[in-house]
């Protein structure tokens, strides 16, 4: 899976933002640093488990918590049709 080409991510004034440039989603997605890291992982083709492994390397948190966070963010991205799967 990966982030669709029509979505752009930026950090502005300490906030992580994502918008659709092709009209697939009318709105703005704001996220925290962990969610932004997950979105960055999706710049290239990856799997959910690979994202969890990258999160484990970056964050000092239990695997179960990170797995839940990754699932939640991926579901949010699916809701706005931002993923190619």
N, C-alpha and C. Protein backbone atom coordinates (compact mmCIF):
# COMPACT_ATOMS: atom_id res chain seq x y z
N UNK A 1 0.85 -1.17 0.00
CA UNK A 1 0.00 0.00 0.00
C UNK A 1 0.89 1.23 0.00
N UNK A 2 0.33 2.35 -0.46
CA UNK A 2 1.04 3.62 -0.42
C UNK A 2 0.03 4.75 -0.51
N UNK A 3 0.49 5.95 -0.20
CA UNK A 3 -0.35 7.14 -0.28
C UNK A 3 -0.60 7.46 -1.75
N UNK A 4 -1.85 7.76 -2.10
CA UNK A 4 -2.18 8.10 -3.48
C UNK A 4 -1.46 9.38 -3.90
N UNK A 5 -1.17 9.49 -5.19
CA UNK A 5 -0.45 10.63 -5.73
C UNK A 5 -1.18 11.95 -5.52
N UNK A 6 -2.49 11.94 -5.45
CA UNK A 6 -3.25 13.18 -5.33
C UNK A 6 -3.26 13.81 -3.95
N UNK A 7 -2.48 13.28 -3.03
CA UNK A 7 -2.43 13.81 -1.67
C UNK A 7 -1.06 14.41 -1.38
N UNK A 8 -1.08 15.59 -0.78
CA UNK A 8 0.14 16.31 -0.45
C UNK A 8 0.21 16.49 1.06
N UNK A 9 1.38 16.28 1.62
CA UNK A 9 1.57 16.46 3.06
C UNK A 9 2.59 17.58 3.28
N UNK A 10 2.36 18.33 4.33
CA UNK A 10 3.25 19.43 4.69
C UNK A 10 3.24 19.61 6.20
N UNK A 11 4.34 20.14 6.70
CA UNK A 11 4.39 20.58 8.09
C UNK A 11 4.41 22.10 8.06
N UNK A 12 3.45 22.71 8.75
CA UNK A 12 3.36 24.17 8.80
C UNK A 12 3.13 24.60 10.23
N UNK A 13 4.01 25.44 10.72
CA UNK A 13 3.86 25.99 12.06
C UNK A 13 3.70 24.89 13.12
N UNK A 14 4.42 23.79 12.94
CA UNK A 14 4.39 22.71 13.90
C UNK A 14 3.23 21.74 13.74
N UNK A 15 2.36 21.98 12.75
CA UNK A 15 1.24 21.07 12.50
C UNK A 15 1.52 20.27 11.23
N UNK A 16 1.09 19.03 11.24
CA UNK A 16 1.23 18.17 10.08
C UNK A 16 -0.11 18.14 9.36
N UNK A 17 -0.09 18.49 8.07
CA UNK A 17 -1.32 18.63 7.29
C UNK A 17 -1.27 17.77 6.04
N UNK A 18 -2.43 17.31 5.60
CA UNK A 18 -2.54 16.57 4.35
C UNK A 18 -3.79 17.06 3.62
N UNK A 19 -3.64 17.33 2.33
CA UNK A 19 -4.77 17.77 1.51
C UNK A 19 -4.76 16.99 0.20
N UNK A 20 -5.91 16.93 -0.43
CA UNK A 20 -6.04 16.31 -1.74
C UNK A 20 -5.90 17.39 -2.80
N UNK A 21 -5.09 17.11 -3.80
CA UNK A 21 -4.91 18.07 -4.89
C UNK A 21 -5.77 17.74 -6.10
N UNK A 22 -6.42 16.58 -6.08
CA UNK A 22 -7.23 16.18 -7.23
C UNK A 22 -8.73 16.13 -6.92
N UNK A 23 -9.12 16.67 -5.78
CA UNK A 23 -10.53 16.73 -5.43
C UNK A 23 -11.12 15.44 -4.90
N UNK A 24 -10.26 14.43 -4.66
CA UNK A 24 -10.76 13.15 -4.15
C UNK A 24 -11.34 13.30 -2.74
N UNK A 25 -10.83 14.26 -2.03
CA UNK A 25 -11.27 14.50 -0.66
C UNK A 25 -11.31 16.01 -0.46
N UNK A 26 -12.45 16.52 -0.05
CA UNK A 26 -12.57 17.96 0.20
C UNK A 26 -12.41 18.21 1.68
N UNK A 27 -11.22 18.59 2.05
CA UNK A 27 -10.96 18.85 3.45
C UNK A 27 -9.47 18.85 3.73
N UNK A 28 -9.18 18.90 4.99
CA UNK A 28 -7.81 18.97 5.48
C UNK A 28 -7.66 17.95 6.59
N UNK A 29 -6.61 17.15 6.53
CA UNK A 29 -6.35 16.17 7.57
C UNK A 29 -5.18 16.69 8.40
N UNK A 30 -5.43 16.91 9.69
CA UNK A 30 -4.38 17.33 10.62
C UNK A 30 -3.94 16.11 11.41
N UNK A 31 -2.65 16.05 11.71
CA UNK A 31 -2.17 14.89 12.44
C UNK A 31 -1.05 15.25 13.39
N UNK A 32 -0.81 14.35 14.33
CA UNK A 32 0.31 14.52 15.25
C UNK A 32 1.57 13.96 14.60
N UNK A 33 2.68 14.03 15.31
CA UNK A 33 3.96 13.60 14.74
C UNK A 33 3.98 12.11 14.41
N UNK A 34 3.37 11.29 15.24
CA UNK A 34 3.35 9.84 14.98
C UNK A 34 2.54 9.52 13.74
N UNK A 35 1.39 10.15 13.58
CA UNK A 35 0.57 9.93 12.39
C UNK A 35 1.29 10.44 11.15
N UNK A 36 1.98 11.57 11.27
CA UNK A 36 2.75 12.11 10.15
C UNK A 36 3.87 11.15 9.76
N UNK A 37 4.48 10.49 10.74
CA UNK A 37 5.52 9.50 10.45
C UNK A 37 4.93 8.34 9.65
N UNK A 38 3.75 7.89 10.02
CA UNK A 38 3.08 6.81 9.29
C UNK A 38 2.81 7.24 7.85
N UNK A 39 2.31 8.45 7.68
CA UNK A 39 2.04 8.96 6.33
C UNK A 39 3.34 9.04 5.53
N UNK A 40 4.43 9.46 6.16
CA UNK A 40 5.72 9.51 5.47
C UNK A 40 6.15 8.12 5.02
N UNK A 41 5.89 7.12 5.84
CA UNK A 41 6.22 5.73 5.46
C UNK A 41 5.47 5.32 4.20
N UNK A 42 4.31 5.92 3.99
CA UNK A 42 3.46 5.56 2.85
C UNK A 42 3.86 6.27 1.56
N UNK A 43 4.96 7.03 1.60
CA UNK A 43 5.45 7.67 0.38
C UNK A 43 5.91 6.61 -0.62
N UNK A 44 6.34 5.47 -0.11
CA UNK A 44 6.76 4.34 -0.93
C UNK A 44 5.89 3.14 -0.58
N UNK A 45 5.83 2.19 -1.50
CA UNK A 45 5.06 0.96 -1.27
C UNK A 45 5.55 0.30 0.01
N UNK A 46 4.63 -0.04 0.90
CA UNK A 46 4.98 -0.65 2.18
C UNK A 46 3.82 -1.50 2.67
N UNK A 47 4.05 -2.21 3.76
CA UNK A 47 2.98 -2.99 4.38
C UNK A 47 2.72 -2.44 5.77
N UNK A 48 1.60 -2.83 6.33
CA UNK A 48 1.26 -2.42 7.69
C UNK A 48 2.33 -2.87 8.67
N UNK A 49 2.80 -4.10 8.51
CA UNK A 49 3.81 -4.64 9.42
C UNK A 49 5.13 -3.90 9.29
N UNK A 50 5.50 -3.50 8.08
CA UNK A 50 6.74 -2.73 7.90
C UNK A 50 6.64 -1.37 8.59
N UNK A 51 5.46 -0.76 8.54
CA UNK A 51 5.27 0.52 9.23
C UNK A 51 5.40 0.33 10.74
N UNK A 52 4.80 -0.74 11.26
CA UNK A 52 4.91 -1.03 12.69
C UNK A 52 6.38 -1.21 13.08
N UNK A 53 7.14 -1.92 12.27
CA UNK A 53 8.56 -2.13 12.56
C UNK A 53 9.33 -0.81 12.58
N UNK A 54 9.03 0.08 11.65
CA UNK A 54 9.67 1.40 11.62
C UNK A 54 9.28 2.22 12.85
N UNK A 55 8.02 2.09 13.26
CA UNK A 55 7.55 2.79 14.46
C UNK A 55 8.28 2.26 15.70
N UNK A 56 8.46 0.95 15.78
CA UNK A 56 9.17 0.35 16.92
C UNK A 56 10.60 0.86 16.99
N UNK A 57 11.23 1.07 15.84
CA UNK A 57 12.61 1.57 15.81
C UNK A 57 12.68 3.04 16.23
N UNK A 58 11.62 3.79 15.97
CA UNK A 58 11.63 5.23 16.25
C UNK A 58 11.09 5.59 17.64
N UNK A 59 10.05 4.90 18.07
CA UNK A 59 9.35 5.27 19.30
C UNK A 59 9.54 4.22 20.39
N UNK A 60 9.64 4.69 21.62
CA UNK A 60 9.76 3.81 22.78
C UNK A 60 8.35 3.55 23.31
N UNK A 61 7.68 2.59 22.67
CA UNK A 61 6.31 2.25 23.04
C UNK A 61 6.10 0.76 22.80
N UNK A 62 5.16 0.16 23.52
CA UNK A 62 4.87 -1.26 23.31
C UNK A 62 4.34 -1.53 21.90
N UNK A 63 4.71 -2.68 21.36
CA UNK A 63 4.31 -3.06 20.01
C UNK A 63 2.79 -3.04 19.85
N UNK A 64 2.06 -3.48 20.87
CA UNK A 64 0.60 -3.54 20.78
C UNK A 64 -0.01 -2.15 20.58
N UNK A 65 0.55 -1.18 21.27
CA UNK A 65 0.04 0.20 21.16
C UNK A 65 0.33 0.74 19.77
N UNK A 66 1.56 0.51 19.30
CA UNK A 66 1.93 1.01 17.97
C UNK A 66 1.11 0.33 16.88
N UNK A 67 0.84 -0.97 17.02
CA UNK A 67 0.00 -1.68 16.05
C UNK A 67 -1.39 -1.07 16.00
N UNK A 68 -1.96 -0.76 17.16
CA UNK A 68 -3.28 -0.12 17.21
C UNK A 68 -3.25 1.25 16.56
N UNK A 69 -2.20 2.02 16.84
CA UNK A 69 -2.08 3.36 16.24
C UNK A 69 -1.98 3.28 14.73
N UNK A 70 -1.18 2.36 14.22
CA UNK A 70 -1.03 2.21 12.77
C UNK A 70 -2.36 1.82 12.15
N UNK A 71 -3.07 0.87 12.74
CA UNK A 71 -4.38 0.46 12.22
C UNK A 71 -5.35 1.65 12.18
N UNK A 72 -5.36 2.43 13.25
CA UNK A 72 -6.27 3.57 13.33
C UNK A 72 -5.96 4.60 12.24
N UNK A 73 -4.69 4.93 12.07
CA UNK A 73 -4.32 5.92 11.05
C UNK A 73 -4.61 5.38 9.65
N UNK A 74 -4.29 4.12 9.40
CA UNK A 74 -4.58 3.54 8.08
C UNK A 74 -6.07 3.55 7.80
N UNK A 75 -6.89 3.27 8.79
CA UNK A 75 -8.34 3.31 8.60
C UNK A 75 -8.82 4.72 8.30
N UNK A 76 -8.24 5.72 8.97
CA UNK A 76 -8.58 7.11 8.68
C UNK A 76 -8.22 7.46 7.24
N UNK A 77 -7.04 7.02 6.80
CA UNK A 77 -6.63 7.28 5.42
C UNK A 77 -7.53 6.55 4.42
N UNK A 78 -7.97 5.38 4.78
CA UNK A 78 -8.93 4.67 3.91
C UNK A 78 -10.25 5.43 3.82
N UNK A 79 -10.68 5.99 4.94
CA UNK A 79 -11.95 6.73 4.98
C UNK A 79 -11.94 7.93 4.02
N UNK A 80 -10.76 8.54 3.84
CA UNK A 80 -10.67 9.70 2.93
C UNK A 80 -10.13 9.27 1.55
N UNK A 81 -10.08 7.96 1.32
CA UNK A 81 -9.64 7.39 0.05
C UNK A 81 -8.24 7.87 -0.34
N UNK A 82 -7.32 7.84 0.62
CA UNK A 82 -5.96 8.31 0.40
C UNK A 82 -4.96 7.19 0.15
N UNK A 83 -5.40 5.93 0.24
CA UNK A 83 -4.47 4.81 0.08
C UNK A 83 -4.67 4.06 -1.23
N UNK A 84 -3.56 3.68 -1.83
CA UNK A 84 -3.57 2.71 -2.92
C UNK A 84 -3.25 1.36 -2.29
N UNK A 85 -4.15 0.41 -2.45
CA UNK A 85 -3.90 -0.90 -1.83
C UNK A 85 -3.95 -1.98 -2.88
